[in-house]
Amino acid sequence: ALPICHADRERLPLITQPTFCAASEDDPLNEGVALAASLVKNSKQAVLSSERTPEGLRAKAAAVAAFLDAA
């Protein structure tokens, strides 16, 4: 679950810009991606491959680039 810090559940819905909520599959915070994305109106979400491999880094770069190109 998304940790309760800085009133996250109240503050995230205030974001109005397109937002990419993402984490790597081996990131302990990846469980909060779906919740965070559900609280930000104009968001996309992804749980990405591990960044510990060159393929994972390339996949992350491609996902971020695709989000920015669409925004």
Protein backbone atom coordinates (compact mmCIF):
# COMPACT_ATOMS: atom_id res chain seq x y z
CA ALA A 1 0.00 0.00 0.00
CA LEU A 2 1.04 3.56 -0.55
CA PRO A 3 2.69 4.91 2.59
CA ILE A 4 0.85 7.71 4.34
CA CYS A 5 3.33 10.60 4.18
CA HIS A 6 2.66 14.23 3.50
CA ALA A 7 -1.09 13.58 3.05
CA ASP A 8 -0.52 11.58 -0.17
CA ARG A 9 -4.13 10.61 -0.66
CA GLU A 10 -5.23 14.24 -0.39
CA ARG A 11 -2.36 15.76 -2.40
CA LEU A 12 -2.08 13.38 -5.38
CA PRO A 13 -5.56 14.23 -6.73
CA LEU A 14 -4.44 17.87 -6.97
CA ILE A 15 -1.95 17.02 -9.75
CA THR A 16 -3.33 18.27 -13.07
CA GLN A 17 -0.42 17.54 -15.42
CA PRO A 18 -0.03 14.25 -17.30
CA THR A 19 1.80 11.94 -14.92
CA PHE A 20 3.61 8.62 -15.37
CA CYS A 21 3.36 6.52 -12.22
CA ALA A 22 5.91 3.76 -12.57
CA ALA A 23 8.34 1.57 -10.70
CA SER A 24 10.55 -1.38 -11.50
CA GLU A 25 9.30 -4.88 -10.69
CA ASP A 26 12.06 -5.22 -8.08
CA ASP A 27 11.32 -1.84 -6.48
CA PRO A 28 9.64 -2.31 -3.09
CA LEU A 29 7.40 0.68 -3.88
CA ASN A 30 5.94 -0.91 -7.03
CA GLU A 31 2.91 -2.06 -5.04
CA GLY A 32 1.86 1.59 -4.73
CA VAL A 33 1.89 2.35 -8.46
CA ALA A 34 -1.74 1.37 -9.10
CA LEU A 35 -3.01 3.29 -6.09
CA ALA A 36 -0.99 6.38 -6.95
CA ALA A 37 -2.22 6.26 -10.55
CA SER A 38 -5.82 5.90 -9.37
CA LEU A 39 -5.44 9.12 -7.36
CA VAL A 40 -3.94 11.18 -10.22
CA LYS A 41 -6.60 11.96 -12.82
CA ASN A 42 -4.43 12.29 -15.93
CA SER A 43 -1.99 9.45 -15.30
CA LYS A 44 -0.58 6.35 -16.91
CA GLN A 45 0.89 3.54 -14.89
CA ALA A 46 3.46 0.79 -15.40
CA VAL A 47 5.48 -1.74 -13.48
CA LEU A 48 8.64 -2.07 -15.54
CA SER A 49 11.34 -4.70 -15.88
CA SER A 50 14.26 -4.55 -13.50
CA GLU A 51 16.77 -1.80 -14.18
CA ARG A 52 19.57 -4.17 -13.19
CA THR A 53 19.97 -5.36 -16.76
CA PRO A 54 20.70 -3.44 -19.96
CA GLU A 55 17.41 -4.74 -21.39
CA GLY A 56 15.52 -3.44 -18.36
CA LEU A 57 17.13 -0.03 -18.67
CA ARG A 58 16.24 0.10 -22.36
CA ALA A 59 12.65 -0.91 -21.59
CA LYS A 60 12.39 1.81 -18.95
CA ALA A 61 13.82 4.41 -21.32
CA ALA A 62 11.37 3.33 -24.03
CA ALA A 63 8.40 3.51 -21.63
CA VAL A 64 9.35 6.99 -20.44
CA ALA A 65 9.97 8.17 -24.02
CA ALA A 66 6.58 6.79 -25.14
CA PHE A 67 4.84 8.59 -22.28
CA LEU A 68 6.58 11.88 -23.08
CA ASP A 69 5.89 11.54 -26.81
CA ALA A 70 2.19 11.02 -26.09
CA ALA A 71 1.95 13.91 -23.62
